[in-house]
Amino acid sequence: MTPVATGVILVASGLVLAGMGLWRSYLMAREAVAPLTHQGDPTRSRIESLRPLPLRPKVRTAAARTLVSIGWLAVALYGLYFLVRGQELLR
């Protein structure tokens, strides 16, 4: 395989990875913030407020979704790495 063909493949896959990773990261970050912004049932909120902060379901859900969002951001950064390496081969 020639360096030009490899460069084109790397650029194309880098664009796909970066776009997909950024979009999924945005969606997961939005889902992470949503449960924290809604008030919810007052009785349920009072019961959950008695629990320690790390054991509250809303906090655990937000933390898990934030970690998944960071993982998708890592995929996007890997796509940008592919993009840069592909552009170097095309020069």
N, C-alpha and C. Protein backbone atom coordinates (compact mmCIF):
# COMPACT_ATOMS: atom_id res chain seq x y z
N MET A 1 0.85 -1.17 0.00
CA MET A 1 0.00 0.00 0.00
C MET A 1 0.90 1.24 0.00
N THR A 2 0.58 2.19 -0.81
CA THR A 2 1.40 3.39 -0.93
C THR A 2 1.15 4.33 0.24
N PRO A 3 2.11 5.20 0.54
CA PRO A 3 1.90 6.16 1.63
C PRO A 3 0.72 7.09 1.39
N VAL A 4 0.44 7.42 0.13
CA VAL A 4 -0.70 8.30 -0.16
C VAL A 4 -2.02 7.61 0.18
N ALA A 5 -2.14 6.36 -0.20
CA ALA A 5 -3.36 5.61 0.10
C ALA A 5 -3.53 5.43 1.61
N THR A 6 -2.44 5.16 2.28
CA THR A 6 -2.49 5.03 3.74
C THR A 6 -2.89 6.35 4.38
N GLY A 7 -2.36 7.44 3.85
CA GLY A 7 -2.70 8.76 4.37
C GLY A 7 -4.18 9.08 4.19
N VAL A 8 -4.72 8.73 3.03
CA VAL A 8 -6.15 8.98 2.78
C VAL A 8 -7.01 8.16 3.73
N ILE A 9 -6.64 6.91 3.95
CA ILE A 9 -7.40 6.05 4.87
C ILE A 9 -7.32 6.60 6.29
N LEU A 10 -6.13 7.04 6.70
CA LEU A 10 -5.98 7.59 8.04
C LEU A 10 -6.76 8.89 8.21
N VAL A 11 -6.75 9.74 7.22
CA VAL A 11 -7.52 10.99 7.30
C VAL A 11 -9.02 10.71 7.37
N ALA A 12 -9.48 9.80 6.53
CA ALA A 12 -10.92 9.47 6.52
C ALA A 12 -11.36 8.85 7.84
N SER A 13 -10.58 7.89 8.31
CA SER A 13 -10.96 7.25 9.58
C SER A 13 -10.80 8.22 10.75
N GLY A 14 -9.84 9.11 10.67
CA GLY A 14 -9.68 10.12 11.72
C GLY A 14 -10.85 11.07 11.79
N LEU A 15 -11.35 11.48 10.62
CA LEU A 15 -12.52 12.35 10.60
C LEU A 15 -13.75 11.65 11.17
N VAL A 16 -13.93 10.39 10.81
CA VAL A 16 -15.07 9.63 11.33
C VAL A 16 -14.95 9.46 12.84
N LEU A 17 -13.79 9.05 13.31
CA LEU A 17 -13.60 8.86 14.76
C LEU A 17 -13.77 10.16 15.53
N ALA A 18 -13.20 11.24 15.02
CA ALA A 18 -13.31 12.52 15.72
C ALA A 18 -14.76 12.99 15.77
N GLY A 19 -15.45 12.90 14.65
CA GLY A 19 -16.85 13.33 14.62
C GLY A 19 -17.74 12.48 15.51
N MET A 20 -17.58 11.17 15.40
CA MET A 20 -18.39 10.27 16.21
C MET A 20 -18.08 10.44 17.70
N GLY A 21 -16.80 10.54 18.03
CA GLY A 21 -16.41 10.68 19.43
C GLY A 21 -16.90 11.97 20.04
N LEU A 22 -16.79 13.07 19.30
CA LEU A 22 -17.27 14.35 19.82
C LEU A 22 -18.78 14.35 20.00
N TRP A 23 -19.49 13.79 19.03
CA TRP A 23 -20.94 13.78 19.12
C TRP A 23 -21.42 12.92 20.28
N ARG A 24 -20.87 11.72 20.42
CA ARG A 24 -21.28 10.84 21.52
C ARG A 24 -20.87 11.42 22.88
N SER A 25 -19.72 12.07 22.92
CA SER A 25 -19.28 12.69 24.16
C SER A 25 -20.24 13.80 24.57
N TYR A 26 -20.67 14.59 23.61
CA TYR A 26 -21.64 15.66 23.89
C TYR A 26 -22.95 15.07 24.40
N LEU A 27 -23.43 14.03 23.75
CA LEU A 27 -24.70 13.42 24.17
C LEU A 27 -24.61 12.85 25.59
N MET A 28 -23.51 12.19 25.91
CA MET A 28 -23.36 11.61 27.25
C MET A 28 -23.19 12.70 28.30
N ALA A 29 -22.50 13.78 27.97
CA ALA A 29 -22.35 14.88 28.92
C ALA A 29 -23.71 15.53 29.18
N ARG A 30 -24.51 15.65 28.14
CA ARG A 30 -25.85 16.22 28.31
C ARG A 30 -26.72 15.31 29.19
N GLU A 31 -26.60 14.00 28.99
CA GLU A 31 -27.35 13.06 29.83
C GLU A 31 -26.85 13.05 31.26
N ALA A 32 -25.58 13.36 31.46
CA ALA A 32 -25.02 13.38 32.82
C ALA A 32 -25.55 14.56 33.62
N VAL A 33 -25.78 15.66 32.96
CA VAL A 33 -26.23 16.87 33.65
C VAL A 33 -27.75 16.87 33.87
N ALA A 34 -28.50 16.22 33.00
CA ALA A 34 -29.96 16.26 33.05
C ALA A 34 -30.54 15.82 34.39
N PRO A 35 -30.11 14.70 35.00
CA PRO A 35 -30.73 14.31 36.28
C PRO A 35 -30.43 15.29 37.42
N LEU A 36 -29.37 16.01 37.32
CA LEU A 36 -29.02 16.95 38.39
C LEU A 36 -29.80 18.25 38.28
N THR A 37 -30.35 18.55 37.13
CA THR A 37 -31.07 19.81 36.96
C THR A 37 -32.55 19.69 37.28
N HIS A 38 -33.11 18.49 37.25
CA HIS A 38 -34.53 18.32 37.50
C HIS A 38 -34.77 18.14 39.00
N GLN A 39 -35.85 18.71 39.47
CA GLN A 39 -36.18 18.66 40.89
C GLN A 39 -36.56 17.25 41.33
N GLY A 40 -37.45 16.62 40.60
CA GLY A 40 -37.90 15.29 40.97
C GLY A 40 -38.98 15.32 42.04
N ASP A 41 -39.33 14.15 42.55
CA ASP A 41 -40.36 14.03 43.57
C ASP A 41 -39.83 14.57 44.90
N PRO A 42 -40.55 15.46 45.58
CA PRO A 42 -40.05 16.05 46.83
C PRO A 42 -39.79 15.02 47.93
N THR A 43 -40.68 14.02 48.06
CA THR A 43 -40.48 13.01 49.10
C THR A 43 -39.24 12.19 48.81
N ARG A 44 -39.09 11.80 47.56
CA ARG A 44 -37.92 11.00 47.17
C ARG A 44 -36.63 11.81 47.35
N SER A 45 -36.68 13.10 47.05
CA SER A 45 -35.51 13.95 47.21
C SER A 45 -35.10 14.06 48.67
N ARG A 46 -36.07 14.15 49.56
CA ARG A 46 -35.75 14.22 50.99
C ARG A 46 -35.12 12.92 51.49
N ILE A 47 -35.63 11.80 51.02
CA ILE A 47 -35.07 10.51 51.42
C ILE A 47 -33.64 10.37 50.91
N GLU A 48 -33.42 10.75 49.66
CA GLU A 48 -32.08 10.65 49.09
C GLU A 48 -31.10 11.63 49.71
N SER A 49 -31.61 12.75 50.22
CA SER A 49 -30.71 13.74 50.82
C SER A 49 -30.12 13.23 52.14
N LEU A 50 -30.71 12.20 52.73
CA LEU A 50 -30.18 11.63 53.96
C LEU A 50 -28.99 10.70 53.71
N ARG A 51 -28.86 10.25 52.48
CA ARG A 51 -27.74 9.35 52.14
C ARG A 51 -26.46 10.16 51.94
N PRO A 52 -25.32 9.50 52.13
CA PRO A 52 -24.06 10.19 51.81
C PRO A 52 -24.00 10.51 50.31
N LEU A 53 -23.30 11.56 49.97
CA LEU A 53 -23.26 12.05 48.59
C LEU A 53 -22.86 10.98 47.57
N PRO A 54 -21.81 10.16 47.82
CA PRO A 54 -21.44 9.17 46.79
C PRO A 54 -22.46 8.05 46.59
N LEU A 55 -23.37 7.87 47.53
CA LEU A 55 -24.35 6.77 47.43
C LEU A 55 -25.68 7.21 46.84
N ARG A 56 -25.84 8.48 46.51
CA ARG A 56 -27.09 8.95 45.92
C ARG A 56 -27.17 8.51 44.46
N PRO A 57 -28.34 7.99 44.07
CA PRO A 57 -28.47 7.46 42.71
C PRO A 57 -28.20 8.51 41.62
N LYS A 58 -28.69 9.74 41.82
CA LYS A 58 -28.48 10.77 40.80
C LYS A 58 -27.00 11.10 40.64
N VAL A 59 -26.28 11.13 41.74
CA VAL A 59 -24.85 11.44 41.69
C VAL A 59 -24.09 10.30 41.03
N ARG A 60 -24.43 9.08 41.38
CA ARG A 60 -23.76 7.93 40.77
C ARG A 60 -24.03 7.85 39.28
N THR A 61 -25.27 8.12 38.87
CA THR A 61 -25.60 8.11 37.46
C THR A 61 -24.84 9.20 36.71
N ALA A 62 -24.78 10.39 37.29
CA ALA A 62 -24.06 11.50 36.65
C ALA A 62 -22.57 11.18 36.55
N ALA A 63 -22.01 10.59 37.59
CA ALA A 63 -20.58 10.25 37.56
C ALA A 63 -20.29 9.18 36.50
N ALA A 64 -21.14 8.17 36.41
CA ALA A 64 -20.92 7.12 35.42
C ALA A 64 -21.03 7.67 34.00
N ARG A 65 -22.02 8.51 33.76
CA ARG A 65 -22.18 9.08 32.43
C ARG A 65 -21.06 10.05 32.09
N THR A 66 -20.53 10.73 33.09
CA THR A 66 -19.40 11.62 32.85
C THR A 66 -18.17 10.82 32.45
N LEU A 67 -17.94 9.69 33.10
CA LEU A 67 -16.81 8.84 32.72
C LEU A 67 -16.96 8.29 31.30
N VAL A 68 -18.16 7.92 30.93
CA VAL A 68 -18.39 7.44 29.57
C VAL A 68 -18.17 8.58 28.57
N SER A 69 -18.59 9.79 28.93
CA SER A 69 -18.37 10.95 28.07
C SER A 69 -16.88 11.22 27.87
N ILE A 70 -16.11 11.08 28.93
CA ILE A 70 -14.65 11.27 28.82
C ILE A 70 -14.05 10.17 27.94
N GLY A 71 -14.57 8.96 28.03
CA GLY A 71 -14.10 7.88 27.17
C GLY A 71 -14.36 8.19 25.70
N TRP A 72 -15.54 8.71 25.37
CA TRP A 72 -15.83 9.09 23.99
C TRP A 72 -14.94 10.25 23.55
N LEU A 73 -14.62 11.14 24.47
CA LEU A 73 -13.71 12.23 24.13
C LEU A 73 -12.31 11.69 23.80
N ALA A 74 -11.90 10.63 24.49
CA ALA A 74 -10.62 10.00 24.19
C ALA A 74 -10.65 9.38 22.79
N VAL A 75 -11.78 8.80 22.40
CA VAL A 75 -11.92 8.27 21.04
C VAL A 75 -11.79 9.40 20.02
N ALA A 76 -12.38 10.55 20.31
CA ALA A 76 -12.28 11.70 19.40
C ALA A 76 -10.84 12.17 19.28
N LEU A 77 -10.13 12.20 20.39
CA LEU A 77 -8.73 12.62 20.34
C LEU A 77 -7.88 11.62 19.56
N TYR A 78 -8.19 10.35 19.67
CA TYR A 78 -7.50 9.34 18.89
C TYR A 78 -7.77 9.55 17.39
N GLY A 79 -8.99 9.94 17.06
CA GLY A 79 -9.31 10.26 15.68
C GLY A 79 -8.52 11.46 15.18
N LEU A 80 -8.33 12.46 16.04
CA LEU A 80 -7.51 13.61 15.64
C LEU A 80 -6.05 13.20 15.44
N TYR A 81 -5.59 12.25 16.23
CA TYR A 81 -4.23 11.73 16.05
C TYR A 81 -4.11 11.06 14.68
N PHE A 82 -5.10 10.24 14.32
CA PHE A 82 -5.11 9.62 12.99
C PHE A 82 -5.10 10.67 11.89
N LEU A 83 -5.87 11.72 12.10
CA LEU A 83 -5.97 12.79 11.12
C LEU A 83 -4.62 13.46 10.89
N VAL A 84 -3.91 13.76 11.96
CA VAL A 84 -2.61 14.41 11.85
C VAL A 84 -1.60 13.48 11.18
N ARG A 85 -1.57 12.22 11.58
CA ARG A 85 -0.64 11.28 10.96
C ARG A 85 -0.95 11.06 9.48
N GLY A 86 -2.21 11.03 9.14
CA GLY A 86 -2.58 10.89 7.73
C GLY A 86 -2.18 12.09 6.90
N GLN A 87 -2.32 13.27 7.48
CA GLN A 87 -1.91 14.48 6.77
C GLN A 87 -0.41 14.53 6.57
N GLU A 88 0.35 14.01 7.53
CA GLU A 88 1.81 13.96 7.38
C GLU A 88 2.20 13.03 6.23
N LEU A 89 1.46 11.95 6.04
CA LEU A 89 1.76 11.03 4.94
C LEU A 89 1.38 11.63 3.59
N LEU A 90 0.42 12.52 3.57
CA LEU A 90 -0.02 13.11 2.31
C LEU A 90 0.89 14.24 1.83
N ARG A 91 1.76 14.71 2.68
CA ARG A 91 2.67 15.81 2.27
C ARG A 91 3.78 15.32 1.43
